[in-house]
Amino acid sequence: MSYRGRSDFSEGVNSQGNYYQHRGEGAAPGGSYYYSNNNGSYYYQNPNGSTYHGLGEGRGGVYTAPGQTQGEYRAPSAPKSGK
């Protein structure tokens, strides 16, 4: 689903050169946020309050469930076998 063109959608590049998207209340209750950083890492804030900070380059990331203050590391998935 594309949110571009909606009044509650914004995107751009911040002063550090990182790309962001904000999808407001019309997209989902509480809205959502996405950052893609120059170093390959990224960050999601979901409408339910959960967050995920991907470390980039297949290194896994940190997931924080709704209502938690500290996330847990999630290792990257094992590569799928071609067999």
PDB file of N, CA and C in Angstrom:
ATOM      1  N   MET A   1       0.836  -1.175   0.000  1.00  0.00           N
ATOM      2  CA  MET A   1       0.000   0.000   0.000  1.00  0.00           C
ATOM      3  C   MET A   1       0.881   1.238   0.000  1.00  0.00           C
ATOM      4  N   SER A   2       0.574   2.183  -0.847  1.00  0.00           N
ATOM      5  CA  SER A   2       1.344   3.420  -0.912  1.00  0.00           C
ATOM      6  C   SER A   2       0.668   4.498  -0.074  1.00  0.00           C
ATOM      7  N   TYR A   3       1.456   5.170   0.743  1.00  0.00           N
ATOM      8  CA  TYR A   3       0.933   6.247   1.574  1.00  0.00           C
ATOM      9  C   TYR A   3       1.273   7.611   0.994  1.00  0.00           C
ATOM     10  N   ARG A   4       2.067   7.646  -0.057  1.00  0.00           N
ATOM     11  CA  ARG A   4       2.453   8.918  -0.662  1.00  0.00           C
ATOM     12  C   ARG A   4       1.213   9.647  -1.161  1.00  0.00           C
ATOM     13  N   GLY A   5       1.193  10.943  -0.983  1.00  0.00           N
ATOM     14  CA  GLY A   5       0.069  11.748  -1.427  1.00  0.00           C
ATOM     15  C   GLY A   5      -0.992  11.950  -0.355  1.00  0.00           C
ATOM     16  N   ARG A   6      -0.908  11.231   0.739  1.00  0.00           N
ATOM     17  CA  ARG A   6      -1.860  11.403   1.829  1.00  0.00           C
ATOM     18  C   ARG A   6      -1.405  12.563   2.695  1.00  0.00           C
ATOM     19  N   SER A   7      -2.361  13.260   3.310  1.00  0.00           N
ATOM     20  CA  SER A   7      -2.012  14.417   4.133  1.00  0.00           C
ATOM     21  C   SER A   7      -1.276  14.022   5.413  1.00  0.00           C
ATOM     22  N   ASP A   8      -1.410  12.762   5.847  1.00  0.00           N
ATOM     23  CA  ASP A   8      -0.753  12.338   7.082  1.00  0.00           C
ATOM     24  C   ASP A   8       0.533  11.550   6.827  1.00  0.00           C
ATOM     25  N   PHE A   9       1.069  11.655   5.622  1.00  0.00           N
ATOM     26  CA  PHE A   9       2.312  10.974   5.264  1.00  0.00           C
ATOM     27  C   PHE A   9       3.385  12.016   5.015  1.00  0.00           C
ATOM     28  N   SER A  10       4.569  11.784   5.556  1.00  0.00           N
ATOM     29  CA  SER A  10       5.699  12.657   5.238  1.00  0.00           C
ATOM     30  C   SER A  10       6.948  11.801   5.114  1.00  0.00           C
ATOM     31  N   GLU A  11       7.891  12.274   4.327  1.00  0.00           N
ATOM     32  CA  GLU A  11       9.173  11.593   4.166  1.00  0.00           C
ATOM     33  C   GLU A  11      10.217  12.631   3.822  1.00  0.00           C
ATOM     34  N   GLY A  12      11.456  12.279   4.025  1.00  0.00           N
ATOM     35  CA  GLY A  12      12.525  13.199   3.702  1.00  0.00           C
ATOM     36  C   GLY A  12      13.867  12.670   4.155  1.00  0.00           C
ATOM     37  N   VAL A  13      14.834  13.561   4.169  1.00  0.00           N
ATOM     38  CA  VAL A  13      16.189  13.244   4.617  1.00  0.00           C
ATOM     39  C   VAL A  13      16.529  14.234   5.719  1.00  0.00           C
ATOM     40  N   ASN A  14      16.942  13.718   6.877  1.00  0.00           N
ATOM     41  CA  ASN A  14      17.246  14.616   7.987  1.00  0.00           C
ATOM     42  C   ASN A  14      18.647  15.218   7.839  1.00  0.00           C
ATOM     43  N   SER A  15      19.036  16.026   8.819  1.00  0.00           N
ATOM     44  CA  SER A  15      20.310  16.747   8.727  1.00  0.00           C
ATOM     45  C   SER A  15      21.529  15.821   8.756  1.00  0.00           C
ATOM     46  N   GLN A  16      21.361  14.578   9.231  1.00  0.00           N
ATOM     47  CA  GLN A  16      22.464  13.610   9.218  1.00  0.00           C
ATOM     48  C   GLN A  16      22.507  12.812   7.918  1.00  0.00           C
ATOM     49  N   GLY A  17      21.577  13.089   7.001  1.00  0.00           N
ATOM     50  CA  GLY A  17      21.548  12.390   5.724  1.00  0.00           C
ATOM     51  C   GLY A  17      20.802  11.071   5.756  1.00  0.00           C
ATOM     52  N   ASN A  18      20.022  10.831   6.799  1.00  0.00           N
ATOM     53  CA  ASN A  18      19.263   9.591   6.932  1.00  0.00           C
ATOM     54  C   ASN A  18      17.841   9.780   6.412  1.00  0.00           C
ATOM     55  N   TYR A  19      17.337   8.791   5.696  1.00  0.00           N
ATOM     56  CA  TYR A  19      15.987   8.825   5.132  1.00  0.00           C
ATOM     57  C   TYR A  19      14.964   8.456   6.205  1.00  0.00           C
ATOM     58  N   TYR A  20      13.808   9.118   6.184  1.00  0.00           N
ATOM     59  CA  TYR A  20      12.742   8.766   7.118  1.00  0.00           C
ATOM     60  C   TYR A  20      11.384   8.811   6.438  1.00  0.00           C
ATOM     61  N   GLN A  21      10.441   8.077   7.008  1.00  0.00           N
ATOM     62  CA  GLN A  21       9.030   8.128   6.631  1.00  0.00           C
ATOM     63  C   GLN A  21       8.211   8.194   7.909  1.00  0.00           C
ATOM     64  N   HIS A  22       7.167   9.008   7.896  1.00  0.00           N
ATOM     65  CA  HIS A  22       6.194   9.016   8.985  1.00  0.00           C
ATOM     66  C   HIS A  22       4.826   8.796   8.382  1.00  0.00           C
ATOM     67  N   ARG A  23       4.134   7.786   8.879  1.00  0.00           N
ATOM     68  CA  ARG A  23       2.767   7.488   8.444  1.00  0.00           C
ATOM     69  C   ARG A  23       1.869   7.769   9.633  1.00  0.00           C
ATOM     70  N   GLY A  24       1.033   8.771   9.518  1.00  0.00           N
ATOM     71  CA  GLY A  24       0.259   9.261  10.648  1.00  0.00           C
ATOM     72  C   GLY A  24      -0.950   8.429  11.012  1.00  0.00           C
ATOM     73  N   GLU A  25      -1.822   9.030  11.799  1.00  0.00           N
ATOM     74  CA  GLU A  25      -3.009   8.371  12.334  1.00  0.00           C
ATOM     75  C   GLU A  25      -3.872   7.735  11.255  1.00  0.00           C
ATOM     76  N   GLY A  26      -3.920   8.317  10.069  1.00  0.00           N
ATOM     77  CA  GLY A  26      -4.753   7.763   9.010  1.00  0.00           C
ATOM     78  C   GLY A  26      -4.241   6.433   8.485  1.00  0.00           C
ATOM     79  N   ALA A  27      -2.952   6.158   8.696  1.00  0.00           N
ATOM     80  CA  ALA A  27      -2.364   4.901   8.231  1.00  0.00           C
ATOM     81  C   ALA A  27      -2.633   3.777   9.216  1.00  0.00           C
ATOM     82  N   ALA A  28      -2.553   4.078  10.484  1.00  0.00           N
ATOM     83  CA  ALA A  28      -2.784   3.095  11.546  1.00  0.00           C
ATOM     84  C   ALA A  28      -2.894   3.848  12.867  1.00  0.00           C
ATOM     85  N   PRO A  29      -3.642   3.326  13.826  1.00  0.00           N
ATOM     86  CA  PRO A  29      -3.745   4.010  15.123  1.00  0.00           C
ATOM     87  C   PRO A  29      -2.363   4.239  15.728  1.00  0.00           C
ATOM     88  N   GLY A  30      -2.076   5.461  16.083  1.00  0.00           N
ATOM     89  CA  GLY A  30      -0.767   5.787  16.640  1.00  0.00           C
ATOM     90  C   GLY A  30       0.279   6.120  15.597  1.00  0.00           C
ATOM     91  N   GLY A  31      -0.004   5.849  14.341  1.00  0.00           N
ATOM     92  CA  GLY A  31       0.956   6.118  13.283  1.00  0.00           C
ATOM     93  C   GLY A  31       2.137   5.160  13.335  1.00  0.00           C
ATOM     94  N   SER A  32       3.071   5.342  12.441  1.00  0.00           N
ATOM     95  CA  SER A  32       4.282   4.523  12.435  1.00  0.00           C
ATOM     96  C   SER A  32       5.429   5.347  11.877  1.00  0.00           C
ATOM     97  N   TYR A  33       6.640   4.896  12.157  1.00  0.00           N
ATOM     98  CA  TYR A  33       7.838   5.633  11.768  1.00  0.00           C
ATOM     99  C   TYR A  33       8.861   4.662  11.210  1.00  0.00           C
ATOM    100  N   TYR A  34       9.633   5.127  10.247  1.00  0.00           N
ATOM    101  CA  TYR A  34      10.697   4.308   9.667  1.00  0.00           C
ATOM    102  C   TYR A  34      11.894   5.198   9.384  1.00  0.00           C
ATOM    103  N   TYR A  35      13.078   4.761   9.798  1.00  0.00           N
ATOM    104  CA  TYR A  35      14.335   5.433   9.469  1.00  0.00           C
ATOM    105  C   TYR A  35      15.250   4.449   8.767  1.00  0.00           C
ATOM    106  N   SER A  36      15.922   4.895   7.741  1.00  0.00           N
ATOM    107  CA  SER A  36      16.958   4.115   7.080  1.00  0.00           C
ATOM    108  C   SER A  36      18.242   4.928   7.168  1.00  0.00           C
ATOM    109  N   ASN A  37      19.213   4.419   7.885  1.00  0.00           N
ATOM    110  CA  ASN A  37      20.432   5.171   8.155  1.00  0.00           C
ATOM    111  C   ASN A  37      21.527   4.906   7.125  1.00  0.00           C
ATOM    112  N   ASN A  38      22.444   5.849   7.013  1.00  0.00           N
ATOM    113  CA  ASN A  38      23.544   5.748   6.048  1.00  0.00           C
ATOM    114  C   ASN A  38      24.425   4.524   6.259  1.00  0.00           C
ATOM    115  N   ASN A  39      24.507   4.029   7.483  1.00  0.00           N
ATOM    116  CA  ASN A  39      25.374   2.887   7.773  1.00  0.00           C
ATOM    117  C   ASN A  39      24.689   1.541   7.519  1.00  0.00           C
ATOM    118  N   GLY A  40      23.495   1.555   6.946  1.00  0.00           N
ATOM    119  CA  GLY A  40      22.781   0.318   6.638  1.00  0.00           C
ATOM    120  C   GLY A  40      21.816  -0.128   7.719  1.00  0.00           C
ATOM    121  N   SER A  41      21.873   0.487   8.883  1.00  0.00           N
ATOM    122  CA  SER A  41      20.928   0.133   9.935  1.00  0.00           C
ATOM    123  C   SER A  41      19.584   0.806   9.659  1.00  0.00           C
ATOM    124  N   TYR A  42      18.553   0.325  10.330  1.00  0.00           N
ATOM    125  CA  TYR A  42      17.225   0.909  10.150  1.00  0.00           C
ATOM    126  C   TYR A  42      16.427   0.758  11.433  1.00  0.00           C
ATOM    127  N   TYR A  43      15.334   1.514  11.525  1.00  0.00           N
ATOM    128  CA  TYR A  43      14.534   1.557  12.742  1.00  0.00           C
ATOM    129  C   TYR A  43      13.071   1.659  12.362  1.00  0.00           C
ATOM    130  N   TYR A  44      12.246   0.801  12.941  1.00  0.00           N
ATOM    131  CA  TYR A  44      10.797   0.868  12.767  1.00  0.00           C
ATOM    132  C   TYR A  44      10.145   1.131  14.114  1.00  0.00           C
ATOM    133  N   GLN A  45       9.151   2.006  14.125  1.00  0.00           N
ATOM    134  CA  GLN A  45       8.248   2.132  15.264  1.00  0.00           C
ATOM    135  C   GLN A  45       6.867   1.818  14.734  1.00  0.00           C
ATOM    136  N   ASN A  46       6.253   0.783  15.253  1.00  0.00           N
ATOM    137  CA  ASN A  46       4.977   0.306  14.747  1.00  0.00           C
ATOM    138  C   ASN A  46       3.803   0.926  15.496  1.00  0.00           C
ATOM    139  N   PRO A  47       2.612   0.915  14.901  1.00  0.00           N
ATOM    140  CA  PRO A  47       1.443   1.518  15.546  1.00  0.00           C
ATOM    141  C   PRO A  47       1.125   0.941  16.925  1.00  0.00           C
ATOM    142  N   ASN A  48       1.487  -0.310  17.182  1.00  0.00           N
ATOM    143  CA  ASN A  48       1.188  -0.927  18.482  1.00  0.00           C
ATOM    144  C   ASN A  48       2.219  -0.579  19.555  1.00  0.00           C
ATOM    145  N   GLY A  49       3.214   0.228  19.209  1.00  0.00           N
ATOM    146  CA  GLY A  49       4.234   0.637  20.166  1.00  0.00           C
ATOM    147  C   GLY A  49       5.494  -0.200  20.133  1.00  0.00           C
ATOM    148  N   SER A  50       5.497  -1.297  19.398  1.00  0.00           N
ATOM    149  CA  SER A  50       6.717  -2.101  19.296  1.00  0.00           C
ATOM    150  C   SER A  50       7.724  -1.395  18.395  1.00  0.00           C
ATOM    151  N   THR A  51       8.990  -1.721  18.586  1.00  0.00           N
ATOM    152  CA  THR A  51      10.040  -1.145  17.754  1.00  0.00           C
ATOM    153  C   THR A  51      10.996  -2.242  17.304  1.00  0.00           C
ATOM    154  N   TYR A  52      11.688  -1.987  16.219  1.00  0.00           N
ATOM    155  CA  TYR A  52      12.737  -2.891  15.749  1.00  0.00           C
ATOM    156  C   TYR A  52      13.870  -2.046  15.195  1.00  0.00           C
ATOM    157  N   HIS A  53      15.076  -2.286  15.695  1.00  0.00           N
ATOM    158  CA  HIS A  53      16.267  -1.605  15.200  1.00  0.00           C
ATOM    159  C   HIS A  53      17.135  -2.649  14.523  1.00  0.00           C
ATOM    160  N   GLY A  54      17.115  -2.663  13.199  1.00  0.00           N
ATOM    161  CA  GLY A  54      17.953  -3.584  12.438  1.00  0.00           C
ATOM    162  C   GLY A  54      19.366  -3.050  12.366  1.00  0.00           C
ATOM    163  N   LEU A  55      20.337  -3.903  12.638  1.00  0.00           N
ATOM    164  CA  LEU A  55      21.729  -3.478  12.681  1.00  0.00           C
ATOM    165  C   LEU A  55      22.362  -3.379  11.301  1.00  0.00           C
ATOM    166  N   GLY A  56      21.674  -3.868  10.279  1.00  0.00           N
ATOM    167  CA  GLY A  56      22.186  -3.778   8.919  1.00  0.00           C
ATOM    168  C   GLY A  56      23.151  -4.900   8.586  1.00  0.00           C
ATOM    169  N   GLU A  57      23.370  -5.100   7.308  1.00  0.00           N
ATOM    170  CA  GLU A  57      24.333  -6.078   6.801  1.00  0.00           C
ATOM    171  C   GLU A  57      24.105  -7.481   7.362  1.00  0.00           C
ATOM    172  N   GLY A  58      22.844  -7.867   7.572  1.00  0.00           N
ATOM    173  CA  GLY A  58      22.522  -9.204   8.038  1.00  0.00           C
ATOM    174  C   GLY A  58      22.931  -9.522   9.463  1.00  0.00           C
ATOM    175  N   ARG A  59      23.133  -8.501  10.283  1.00  0.00           N
ATOM    176  CA  ARG A  59      23.629  -8.706  11.650  1.00  0.00           C
ATOM    177  C   ARG A  59      22.521  -8.853  12.687  1.00  0.00           C
ATOM    178  N   GLY A  60      21.275  -8.986  12.279  1.00  0.00           N
ATOM    179  CA  GLY A  60      20.186  -9.101  13.245  1.00  0.00           C
ATOM    180  C   GLY A  60      19.758  -7.738  13.735  1.00  0.00           C
ATOM    181  N   GLY A  61      19.114  -7.708  14.901  1.00  0.00           N
ATOM    182  CA  GLY A  61      18.645  -6.444  15.413  1.00  0.00           C
ATOM    183  C   GLY A  61      18.051  -6.585  16.801  1.00  0.00           C
ATOM    184  N   VAL A  62      17.445  -5.507  17.274  1.00  0.00           N
ATOM    185  CA  VAL A  62      16.858  -5.468  18.603  1.00  0.00           C
ATOM    186  C   VAL A  62      15.373  -5.174  18.468  1.00  0.00           C
ATOM    187  N   TYR A  63      14.544  -6.081  18.992  1.00  0.00           N
ATOM    188  CA  TYR A  63      13.094  -5.932  18.980  1.00  0.00           C
ATOM    189  C   TYR A  63      12.629  -5.570  20.383  1.00  0.00           C
ATOM    190  N   THR A  64      11.740  -4.597  20.490  1.00  0.00           N
ATOM    191  CA  THR A  64      11.129  -4.230  21.754  1.00  0.00           C
ATOM    192  C   THR A  64       9.626  -4.376  21.609  1.00  0.00           C
ATOM    193  N   ALA A  65       9.030  -5.237  22.416  1.00  0.00           N
ATOM    194  CA  ALA A  65       7.587  -5.475  22.368  1.00  0.00           C
ATOM    195  C   ALA A  65       6.837  -4.280  22.950  1.00  0.00           C
ATOM    196  N   PRO A  66       5.553  -4.141  22.616  1.00  0.00           N
ATOM    197  CA  PRO A  66       4.763  -3.040  23.180  1.00  0.00           C
ATOM    198  C   PRO A  66       4.833  -3.041  24.709  1.00  0.00           C
ATOM    199  N   GLY A  67       5.075  -1.884  25.281  1.00  0.00           N
ATOM    200  CA  GLY A  67       5.118  -1.754  26.732  1.00  0.00           C
ATOM    201  C   GLY A  67       6.450  -2.095  27.374  1.00  0.00           C
ATOM    202  N   GLN A  68       7.395  -2.643  26.637  1.00  0.00           N
ATOM    203  CA  GLN A  68       8.718  -2.952  27.187  1.00  0.00           C
ATOM    204  C   GLN A  68       9.621  -1.737  27.062  1.00  0.00           C
ATOM    205  N   THR A  69      10.585  -1.633  27.958  1.00  0.00           N
ATOM    206  CA  THR A  69      11.543  -0.533  27.880  1.00  0.00           C
ATOM    207  C   THR A  69      12.886  -0.976  27.338  1.00  0.00           C
ATOM    208  N   GLN A  70      13.166  -2.267  27.351  1.00  0.00           N
ATOM    209  CA  GLN A  70      14.442  -2.758  26.834  1.00  0.00           C
ATOM    210  C   GLN A  70      14.179  -3.888  25.857  1.00  0.00           C
ATOM    211  N   GLY A  71      14.808  -3.804  24.709  1.00  0.00           N
ATOM    212  CA  GLY A  71      14.589  -4.805  23.687  1.00  0.00           C
ATOM    213  C   GLY A  71      15.435  -6.046  23.872  1.00  0.00           C
ATOM    214  N   GLU A  72      15.150  -7.044  23.054  1.00  0.00           N
ATOM    215  CA  GLU A  72      15.943  -8.271  23.049  1.00  0.00           C
ATOM    216  C   GLU A  72      16.567  -8.436  21.678  1.00  0.00           C
ATOM    217  N   TYR A  73      17.809  -8.897  21.658  1.00  0.00           N
ATOM    218  CA  TYR A  73      18.515  -9.106  20.400  1.00  0.00           C
ATOM    219  C   TYR A  73      17.907 -10.285  19.664  1.00  0.00           C
ATOM    220  N   ARG A  74      17.725 -10.133  18.372  1.00  0.00           N
ATOM    221  CA  ARG A  74      17.273 -11.232  17.520  1.00  0.00           C
ATOM    222  C   ARG A  74      18.331 -11.460  16.457  1.00  0.00           C
ATOM    223  N   ALA A  75      18.877 -12.661  16.471  1.00  0.00           N
ATOM    224  CA  ALA A  75      19.914 -13.013  15.501  1.00  0.00           C
ATOM    225  C   ALA A  75      19.308 -13.109  14.113  1.00  0.00           C
ATOM    226  N   PRO A  76      20.113 -12.883  13.085  1.00  0.00           N
ATOM    227  CA  PRO A  76      19.596 -13.035  11.723  1.00  0.00           C
ATOM    228  C   PRO A  76      19.206 -14.479  11.459  1.00  0.00           C
ATOM    229  N   SER A  77      18.260 -14.659  10.556  1.00  0.00           N
ATOM    230  CA  SER A  77      17.830 -16.004  10.176  1.00  0.00           C
ATOM    231  C   SER A  77      18.965 -16.734   9.482  1.00  0.00           C
ATOM    232  N   ALA A  78      19.005 -18.037   9.679  1.00  0.00           N
ATOM    233  CA  ALA A  78      20.013 -18.858   9.002  1.00  0.00           C
ATOM    234  C   ALA A  78      19.732 -18.868   7.509  1.00  0.00           C
ATOM    235  N   PRO A  79      20.769 -18.857   6.687  1.00  0.00           N
ATOM    236  CA  PRO A  79      20.553 -18.904   5.236  1.00  0.00           C
ATOM    237  C   PRO A  79      19.818 -20.180   4.846  1.00  0.00           C
ATOM    238  N   LYS A  80      18.944 -20.051   3.874  1.00  0.00           N
ATOM    239  CA  LYS A  80      18.202 -21.212   3.401  1.00  0.00           C
ATOM    240  C   LYS A  80      19.082 -22.046   2.487  1.00  0.00           C
ATOM    241  N   SER A  81      18.988 -23.341   2.651  1.00  0.00           N
ATOM    242  CA  SER A  81      19.763 -24.268   1.837  1.00  0.00           C
ATOM    243  C   SER A  81      19.164 -24.352   0.446  1.00  0.00           C
ATOM    244  N   GLY A  82      20.002 -24.479  -0.544  1.00  0.00           N
ATOM    245  CA  GLY A  82      19.540 -24.611  -1.923  1.00  0.00           C
ATOM    246  C   GLY A  82      19.143 -26.026  -2.272  1.00  0.00           C
ATOM    247  N   LYS A  83      19.165 -26.919  -1.308  1.00  0.00           N
ATOM    248  CA  LYS A  83      18.855 -28.334  -1.553  1.00  0.00           C
ATOM    249  C   LYS A  83      17.383 -28.605  -1.441  1.00  0.00           C
TER     250      LYS A  83
END
